[in-house]
């Protein structure tokens, strides 16, 4: 796993598939490199002061380290956005929310890919 750091990468993921859970929002899209899984983390000021935002991002990083190596796809970009539930939700629930969001996002990405492929095939 490598980190997303540039604003353009975060904006690209924002245009992709979004899944919202009580503890986090997952935004995902196809990345530029097919062999690398990339992940980014963000927390808005609405969440609280700097201490709360940093704590939320640390929890998201730990959840991503636990879930994404097994459930993530190489060649995809993931952005985890902290929500108020990120701070007080038990870690087991946080990781299960992330796992469910990743699976749902993959289903949506697969559906988008197959519909684009079938529509291109019918035009020829």
C-alpha atoms as a PDB file:
ATOM      1  CA  UNK A   1       0.000   0.000   0.000  1.00  0.00           C
ATOM      2  CA  UNK A   2       1.217   3.442  -0.875  1.00  0.00           C
ATOM      3  CA  UNK A   3      -0.226   6.773   0.220  1.00  0.00           C
ATOM      4  CA  UNK A   4      -2.197   9.286  -1.795  1.00  0.00           C
ATOM      5  CA  UNK A   5      -0.741  12.715  -1.175  1.00  0.00           C
ATOM      6  CA  UNK A   6      -1.678  15.040  -4.016  1.00  0.00           C
ATOM      7  CA  UNK A   7      -4.946  16.939  -4.222  1.00  0.00           C
ATOM      8  CA  UNK A   8      -5.544  15.676  -7.763  1.00  0.00           C
ATOM      9  CA  UNK A   9      -5.544  12.061  -6.548  1.00  0.00           C
ATOM     10  CA  UNK A  10      -8.083  12.860  -3.829  1.00  0.00           C
ATOM     11  CA  UNK A  11     -10.315  14.696  -6.318  1.00  0.00           C
ATOM     12  CA  UNK A  12     -10.104  11.775  -8.744  1.00  0.00           C
ATOM     13  CA  UNK A  13     -11.243   9.350  -6.029  1.00  0.00           C
ATOM     14  CA  UNK A  14     -14.062  11.734  -5.116  1.00  0.00           C
ATOM     15  CA  UNK A  15     -15.475  11.314  -8.645  1.00  0.00           C
ATOM     16  CA  UNK A  16     -15.544   7.523  -8.275  1.00  0.00           C
ATOM     17  CA  UNK A  17     -17.696   5.251  -6.138  1.00  0.00           C
ATOM     18  CA  UNK A  18     -18.689   6.451  -2.654  1.00  0.00           C
ATOM     19  CA  UNK A  19     -19.918   4.265   0.203  1.00  0.00           C
ATOM     20  CA  UNK A  20     -21.036   5.783   3.510  1.00  0.00           C
ATOM     21  CA  UNK A  21     -21.063   3.901   6.816  1.00  0.00           C
ATOM     22  CA  UNK A  22     -21.689   5.187  10.362  1.00  0.00           C
ATOM     23  CA  UNK A  23     -17.973   5.492  11.047  1.00  0.00           C
ATOM     24  CA  UNK A  24     -16.407   6.437   7.696  1.00  0.00           C
ATOM     25  CA  UNK A  25     -16.940   7.342   4.075  1.00  0.00           C
ATOM     26  CA  UNK A  26     -15.041   5.346   1.459  1.00  0.00           C
ATOM     27  CA  UNK A  27     -14.322   6.864  -1.951  1.00  0.00           C
ATOM     28  CA  UNK A  28     -12.676   4.636  -4.527  1.00  0.00           C
ATOM     29  CA  UNK A  29     -11.734   4.643  -8.186  1.00  0.00           C
ATOM     30  CA  UNK A  30      -9.326   2.962 -10.556  1.00  0.00           C
ATOM     31  CA  UNK A  31      -5.791   4.208 -10.051  1.00  0.00           C
ATOM     32  CA  UNK A  32      -3.169   4.995 -12.688  1.00  0.00           C
ATOM     33  CA  UNK A  33      -0.872   2.101 -11.713  1.00  0.00           C
ATOM     34  CA  UNK A  34      -2.381  -1.378 -12.061  1.00  0.00           C
ATOM     35  CA  UNK A  35       0.006  -3.052  -9.648  1.00  0.00           C
ATOM     36  CA  UNK A  36      -0.285  -0.704  -6.660  1.00  0.00           C
ATOM     37  CA  UNK A  37      -3.028  -0.206  -4.087  1.00  0.00           C
ATOM     38  CA  UNK A  38      -3.050   3.432  -2.948  1.00  0.00           C
ATOM     39  CA  UNK A  39      -4.874   4.869   0.054  1.00  0.00           C
ATOM     40  CA  UNK A  40      -5.453   8.351   1.453  1.00  0.00           C
ATOM     41  CA  UNK A  41      -7.022   9.688   4.637  1.00  0.00           C
ATOM     42  CA  UNK A  42      -8.849  12.899   5.397  1.00  0.00           C
ATOM     43  CA  UNK A  43     -10.833  14.539   8.185  1.00  0.00           C
ATOM     44  CA  UNK A  44     -12.665  17.855   7.985  1.00  0.00           C
ATOM     45  CA  UNK A  45     -12.702  20.586  10.597  1.00  0.00           C
ATOM     46  CA  UNK A  46     -16.342  19.729  11.314  1.00  0.00           C
ATOM     47  CA  UNK A  47     -14.996  16.672  13.120  1.00  0.00           C
ATOM     48  CA  UNK A  48     -13.323  18.738  15.818  1.00  0.00           C
ATOM     49  CA  UNK A  49      -9.994  20.251  16.743  1.00  0.00           C
ATOM     50  CA  UNK A  50      -6.620  19.065  15.448  1.00  0.00           C
ATOM     51  CA  UNK A  51      -6.277  16.476  18.205  1.00  0.00           C
ATOM     52  CA  UNK A  52      -9.621  14.867  17.280  1.00  0.00           C
ATOM     53  CA  UNK A  53      -8.864  14.939  13.538  1.00  0.00           C
ATOM     54  CA  UNK A  54      -5.448  13.349  14.042  1.00  0.00           C
ATOM     55  CA  UNK A  55      -6.922  10.668  16.302  1.00  0.00           C
ATOM     56  CA  UNK A  56      -9.587   9.901  13.695  1.00  0.00           C
ATOM     57  CA  UNK A  57      -6.976   9.591  10.942  1.00  0.00           C
ATOM     58  CA  UNK A  58      -4.818   7.313  13.119  1.00  0.00           C
ATOM     59  CA  UNK A  59      -7.823   5.040  13.652  1.00  0.00           C
ATOM     60  CA  UNK A  60      -8.552   5.030   9.922  1.00  0.00           C
ATOM     61  CA  UNK A  61      -4.921   4.172   9.127  1.00  0.00           C
ATOM     62  CA  UNK A  62      -5.040   1.255  11.570  1.00  0.00           C
ATOM     63  CA  UNK A  63      -8.322  -0.013  10.105  1.00  0.00           C
ATOM     64  CA  UNK A  64      -6.956   0.294   6.561  1.00  0.00           C
ATOM     65  CA  UNK A  65      -3.817  -1.605   7.525  1.00  0.00           C
ATOM     66  CA  UNK A  66      -5.995  -4.389   8.917  1.00  0.00           C
ATOM     67  CA  UNK A  67      -8.507  -4.638   6.041  1.00  0.00           C
ATOM     68  CA  UNK A  68      -7.117  -3.355   2.748  1.00  0.00           C
ATOM     69  CA  UNK A  69      -4.224  -5.811   2.272  1.00  0.00           C
ATOM     70  CA  UNK A  70      -6.747  -8.662   2.286  1.00  0.00           C
ATOM     71  CA  UNK A  71      -9.828  -7.041   0.703  1.00  0.00           C
ATOM     72  CA  UNK A  72      -8.394  -4.195  -1.375  1.00  0.00           C
ATOM     73  CA  UNK A  73      -7.548  -4.447  -5.057  1.00  0.00           C
ATOM     74  CA  UNK A  74      -4.238  -3.622  -6.670  1.00  0.00           C
ATOM     75  CA  UNK A  75      -4.711  -0.802  -9.134  1.00  0.00           C
ATOM     76  CA  UNK A  76      -7.371   0.955  -7.038  1.00  0.00           C
ATOM     77  CA  UNK A  77      -7.258   4.198  -5.098  1.00  0.00           C
ATOM     78  CA  UNK A  78      -9.102   4.410  -1.765  1.00  0.00           C
ATOM     79  CA  UNK A  79      -9.825   7.550   0.238  1.00  0.00           C
ATOM     80  CA  UNK A  80     -11.134   7.123   3.782  1.00  0.00           C
ATOM     81  CA  UNK A  81     -12.980  10.156   5.119  1.00  0.00           C
ATOM     82  CA  UNK A  82     -13.480  10.393   8.878  1.00  0.00           C
ATOM     83  CA  UNK A  83     -16.997  10.903  10.231  1.00  0.00           C
ATOM     84  CA  UNK A  84     -18.067  11.700  13.811  1.00  0.00           C
ATOM     85  CA  UNK A  85     -18.543   7.965  14.455  1.00  0.00           C
ATOM     86  CA  UNK A  86     -14.870   7.342  13.696  1.00  0.00           C
ATOM     87  CA  UNK A  87     -13.851   8.723  17.080  1.00  0.00           C
ATOM     88  CA  UNK A  88     -16.154   6.768  19.397  1.00  0.00           C
ATOM     89  CA  UNK A  89     -17.037   3.595  17.474  1.00  0.00           C
ATOM     90  CA  UNK A  90     -15.347   0.392  18.717  1.00  0.00           C
ATOM     91  CA  UNK A  91     -12.419  -0.637  16.545  1.00  0.00           C
ATOM     92  CA  UNK A  92     -14.025  -3.963  15.607  1.00  0.00           C
ATOM     93  CA  UNK A  93     -17.063  -2.102  14.278  1.00  0.00           C
ATOM     94  CA  UNK A  94     -14.834   0.354  12.451  1.00  0.00           C
ATOM     95  CA  UNK A  95     -13.007  -2.450  10.652  1.00  0.00           C
ATOM     96  CA  UNK A  96     -16.260  -4.258   9.816  1.00  0.00           C
ATOM     97  CA  UNK A  97     -17.680  -0.996   8.409  1.00  0.00           C
ATOM     98  CA  UNK A  98     -14.594  -0.607   6.234  1.00  0.00           C
ATOM     99  CA  UNK A  99     -14.747  -4.221   5.037  1.00  0.00           C
ATOM    100  CA  UNK A 100     -18.430  -3.878   4.112  1.00  0.00           C
ATOM    101  CA  UNK A 101     -17.799  -0.569   2.334  1.00  0.00           C
ATOM    102  CA  UNK A 102     -14.903  -2.031   0.328  1.00  0.00           C
ATOM    103  CA  UNK A 103     -16.976  -5.026  -0.785  1.00  0.00           C
ATOM    104  CA  UNK A 104     -19.923  -2.814  -1.767  1.00  0.00           C
ATOM    105  CA  UNK A 105     -17.632  -0.434  -3.661  1.00  0.00           C
ATOM    106  CA  UNK A 106     -16.063  -3.337  -5.564  1.00  0.00           C
ATOM    107  CA  UNK A 107     -19.505  -4.580  -6.594  1.00  0.00           C
ATOM    108  CA  UNK A 108     -20.355  -1.109  -7.891  1.00  0.00           C
ATOM    109  CA  UNK A 109     -17.022  -0.777  -9.728  1.00  0.00           C
ATOM    110  CA  UNK A 110     -17.541  -4.196 -11.336  1.00  0.00           C
ATOM    111  CA  UNK A 111     -21.055  -3.216 -12.427  1.00  0.00           C
ATOM    112  CA  UNK A 112     -19.774   0.027 -13.943  1.00  0.00           C
ATOM    113  CA  UNK A 113     -16.975  -1.789 -15.739  1.00  0.00           C
ATOM    114  CA  UNK A 114     -19.243  -4.444 -17.217  1.00  0.00           C
ATOM    115  CA  UNK A 115     -21.853  -1.917 -18.344  1.00  0.00           C
ATOM    116  CA  UNK A 116     -19.198   0.214 -20.059  1.00  0.00           C
ATOM    117  CA  UNK A 117     -17.698  -2.845 -21.711  1.00  0.00           C
ATOM    118  CA  UNK A 118     -21.042  -4.127 -22.967  1.00  0.00           C
ATOM    119  CA  UNK A 119     -22.116  -0.718 -24.303  1.00  0.00           C
ATOM    120  CA  UNK A 120     -18.830  -0.355 -26.188  1.00  0.00           C
ATOM    121  CA  UNK A 121     -19.211  -3.830 -27.648  1.00  0.00           C
ATOM    122  CA  UNK A 122     -22.711  -3.112 -28.959  1.00  0.00           C
ATOM    123  CA  UNK A 123     -21.557  -0.026 -30.870  1.00  0.00           C
ATOM    124  CA  UNK A 124     -19.215  -1.933 -33.155  1.00  0.00           C
END
